[in-house]
């Protein structure tokens, strides 16, 4: 079953451009990773330091393999260091509604 992953957080002041650049580069690998259907970076309209990565994966297991990869390569630690809140990860089953 496909899953939707929302990874959210709030960046420290002055890091929006740096975070966007990291995501732009990292998403090339993410989009090619087994099971990734889509990934996007969005910023809150009024609270510009709040972000959400919206991802769709073939399964929870595919995402967990990807998360392990990003943990091992240091990306998760780097993102955590850039945040005052987060990153928070929520995984949802996608229904046929």
C-alpha atoms as a PDB file:
ATOM      1  CA  UNK A   1       0.000   0.000   0.000  1.00  0.00           C
ATOM      2  CA  UNK A   2       1.331   3.442  -0.930  1.00  0.00           C
ATOM      3  CA  UNK A   3       2.047   5.863   1.870  1.00  0.00           C
ATOM      4  CA  UNK A   4       2.200   9.615   2.184  1.00  0.00           C
ATOM      5  CA  UNK A   5       5.000  10.949   4.361  1.00  0.00           C
ATOM      6  CA  UNK A   6       4.933  14.437   5.849  1.00  0.00           C
ATOM      7  CA  UNK A   7       8.251  15.563   7.274  1.00  0.00           C
ATOM      8  CA  UNK A   8       7.805  18.946   8.926  1.00  0.00           C
ATOM      9  CA  UNK A   9       9.759  21.386  10.988  1.00  0.00           C
ATOM     10  CA  UNK A  10      10.693  24.974  11.658  1.00  0.00           C
ATOM     11  CA  UNK A  11      14.046  26.312  10.501  1.00  0.00           C
ATOM     12  CA  UNK A  12      16.362  28.559  12.457  1.00  0.00           C
ATOM     13  CA  UNK A  13      16.554  32.154  11.221  1.00  0.00           C
ATOM     14  CA  UNK A  14      18.594  32.711   8.090  1.00  0.00           C
ATOM     15  CA  UNK A  15      18.636  29.099   6.891  1.00  0.00           C
ATOM     16  CA  UNK A  16      15.811  28.996   4.332  1.00  0.00           C
ATOM     17  CA  UNK A  17      18.086  29.398   1.296  1.00  0.00           C
ATOM     18  CA  UNK A  18      20.652  26.900   2.612  1.00  0.00           C
ATOM     19  CA  UNK A  19      17.929  24.369   3.427  1.00  0.00           C
ATOM     20  CA  UNK A  20      16.353  24.804  -0.011  1.00  0.00           C
ATOM     21  CA  UNK A  21      19.740  24.233  -1.673  1.00  0.00           C
ATOM     22  CA  UNK A  22      20.313  21.057   0.360  1.00  0.00           C
ATOM     23  CA  UNK A  23      16.873  19.766  -0.595  1.00  0.00           C
ATOM     24  CA  UNK A  24      17.364  20.590  -4.277  1.00  0.00           C
ATOM     25  CA  UNK A  25      20.532  18.501  -4.342  1.00  0.00           C
ATOM     26  CA  UNK A  26      19.235  15.705  -2.097  1.00  0.00           C
ATOM     27  CA  UNK A  27      15.958  15.323  -4.007  1.00  0.00           C
ATOM     28  CA  UNK A  28      17.860  14.123  -7.088  1.00  0.00           C
ATOM     29  CA  UNK A  29      18.908  11.048  -5.105  1.00  0.00           C
ATOM     30  CA  UNK A  30      15.553  10.756  -3.350  1.00  0.00           C
ATOM     31  CA  UNK A  31      13.551  10.732  -6.579  1.00  0.00           C
ATOM     32  CA  UNK A  32      15.754   7.915  -7.915  1.00  0.00           C
ATOM     33  CA  UNK A  33      15.525   5.889  -4.679  1.00  0.00           C
ATOM     34  CA  UNK A  34      13.619   2.597  -4.930  1.00  0.00           C
ATOM     35  CA  UNK A  35       9.961   3.186  -4.070  1.00  0.00           C
ATOM     36  CA  UNK A  36       9.875   6.982  -4.258  1.00  0.00           C
ATOM     37  CA  UNK A  37       6.933   8.240  -6.272  1.00  0.00           C
ATOM     38  CA  UNK A  38       7.210  11.956  -5.468  1.00  0.00           C
ATOM     39  CA  UNK A  39       8.755  14.501  -3.098  1.00  0.00           C
ATOM     40  CA  UNK A  40       8.189  18.250  -2.737  1.00  0.00           C
ATOM     41  CA  UNK A  41       9.358  21.007  -0.406  1.00  0.00           C
ATOM     42  CA  UNK A  42       6.777  23.569   0.704  1.00  0.00           C
ATOM     43  CA  UNK A  43       6.994  26.567   3.015  1.00  0.00           C
ATOM     44  CA  UNK A  44       4.136  27.993   5.085  1.00  0.00           C
ATOM     45  CA  UNK A  45       2.594  31.100   3.513  1.00  0.00           C
ATOM     46  CA  UNK A  46       2.629  33.239   6.677  1.00  0.00           C
ATOM     47  CA  UNK A  47       5.282  31.555   8.822  1.00  0.00           C
ATOM     48  CA  UNK A  48       8.095  31.249   6.277  1.00  0.00           C
ATOM     49  CA  UNK A  49      10.384  29.223   8.538  1.00  0.00           C
ATOM     50  CA  UNK A  50       7.856  26.347   8.717  1.00  0.00           C
ATOM     51  CA  UNK A  51       8.389  23.684   6.077  1.00  0.00           C
ATOM     52  CA  UNK A  52       6.851  20.403   4.991  1.00  0.00           C
ATOM     53  CA  UNK A  53       8.389  17.752   2.789  1.00  0.00           C
ATOM     54  CA  UNK A  54       5.471  15.969   1.120  1.00  0.00           C
ATOM     55  CA  UNK A  55       6.463  12.519  -0.072  1.00  0.00           C
ATOM     56  CA  UNK A  56       4.717   9.534  -1.643  1.00  0.00           C
ATOM     57  CA  UNK A  57       6.297   6.072  -1.375  1.00  0.00           C
ATOM     58  CA  UNK A  58       5.314   2.645  -2.685  1.00  0.00           C
ATOM     59  CA  UNK A  59       5.170   1.345   0.896  1.00  0.00           C
ATOM     60  CA  UNK A  60       6.132   2.119   4.476  1.00  0.00           C
ATOM     61  CA  UNK A  61       8.997  -0.353   4.112  1.00  0.00           C
ATOM     62  CA  UNK A  62      10.395   1.549   1.117  1.00  0.00           C
ATOM     63  CA  UNK A  63      10.320   4.775   3.113  1.00  0.00           C
ATOM     64  CA  UNK A  64      11.963   3.139   6.132  1.00  0.00           C
ATOM     65  CA  UNK A  65      14.853   1.956   3.925  1.00  0.00           C
ATOM     66  CA  UNK A  66      15.216   5.483   2.588  1.00  0.00           C
ATOM     67  CA  UNK A  67      15.092   6.979   6.091  1.00  0.00           C
ATOM     68  CA  UNK A  68      17.832   4.566   7.217  1.00  0.00           C
ATOM     69  CA  UNK A  69      19.927   5.652   4.227  1.00  0.00           C
ATOM     70  CA  UNK A  70      19.468   9.351   5.064  1.00  0.00           C
ATOM     71  CA  UNK A  71      20.257   8.688   8.720  1.00  0.00           C
ATOM     72  CA  UNK A  72      23.470   6.867   7.809  1.00  0.00           C
ATOM     73  CA  UNK A  73      24.608   9.516   5.316  1.00  0.00           C
ATOM     74  CA  UNK A  74      24.113  12.326   7.866  1.00  0.00           C
ATOM     75  CA  UNK A  75      21.266  14.154   6.140  1.00  0.00           C
ATOM     76  CA  UNK A  76      18.832  13.705   9.035  1.00  0.00           C
ATOM     77  CA  UNK A  77      21.402  15.033  11.522  1.00  0.00           C
ATOM     78  CA  UNK A  78      22.102  18.039   9.268  1.00  0.00           C
ATOM     79  CA  UNK A  79      18.403  18.863   8.941  1.00  0.00           C
ATOM     80  CA  UNK A  80      17.885  18.436  12.686  1.00  0.00           C
ATOM     81  CA  UNK A  81      20.720  20.896  13.343  1.00  0.00           C
ATOM     82  CA  UNK A  82      19.023  23.468  11.086  1.00  0.00           C
ATOM     83  CA  UNK A  83      15.692  23.243  12.938  1.00  0.00           C
ATOM     84  CA  UNK A  84      14.350  24.855  16.088  1.00  0.00           C
ATOM     85  CA  UNK A  85      11.479  22.365  15.896  1.00  0.00           C
ATOM     86  CA  UNK A  86      11.594  19.027  14.136  1.00  0.00           C
ATOM     87  CA  UNK A  87      11.984  17.344  11.916  1.00  0.00           C
ATOM     88  CA  UNK A  88       8.741  15.551  12.683  1.00  0.00           C
ATOM     89  CA  UNK A  89       7.755  12.564  10.542  1.00  0.00           C
ATOM     90  CA  UNK A  90       4.186  11.365  10.005  1.00  0.00           C
ATOM     91  CA  UNK A  91       3.350   8.409   7.752  1.00  0.00           C
ATOM     92  CA  UNK A  92      -0.164   7.927   6.369  1.00  0.00           C
ATOM     93  CA  UNK A  93      -1.724   5.108   4.348  1.00  0.00           C
ATOM     94  CA  UNK A  94      -3.178   6.368   1.057  1.00  0.00           C
ATOM     95  CA  UNK A  95      -6.722   5.135   0.434  1.00  0.00           C
ATOM     96  CA  UNK A  96      -8.690   4.751  -2.780  1.00  0.00           C
ATOM     97  CA  UNK A  97     -11.289   7.308  -1.643  1.00  0.00           C
END
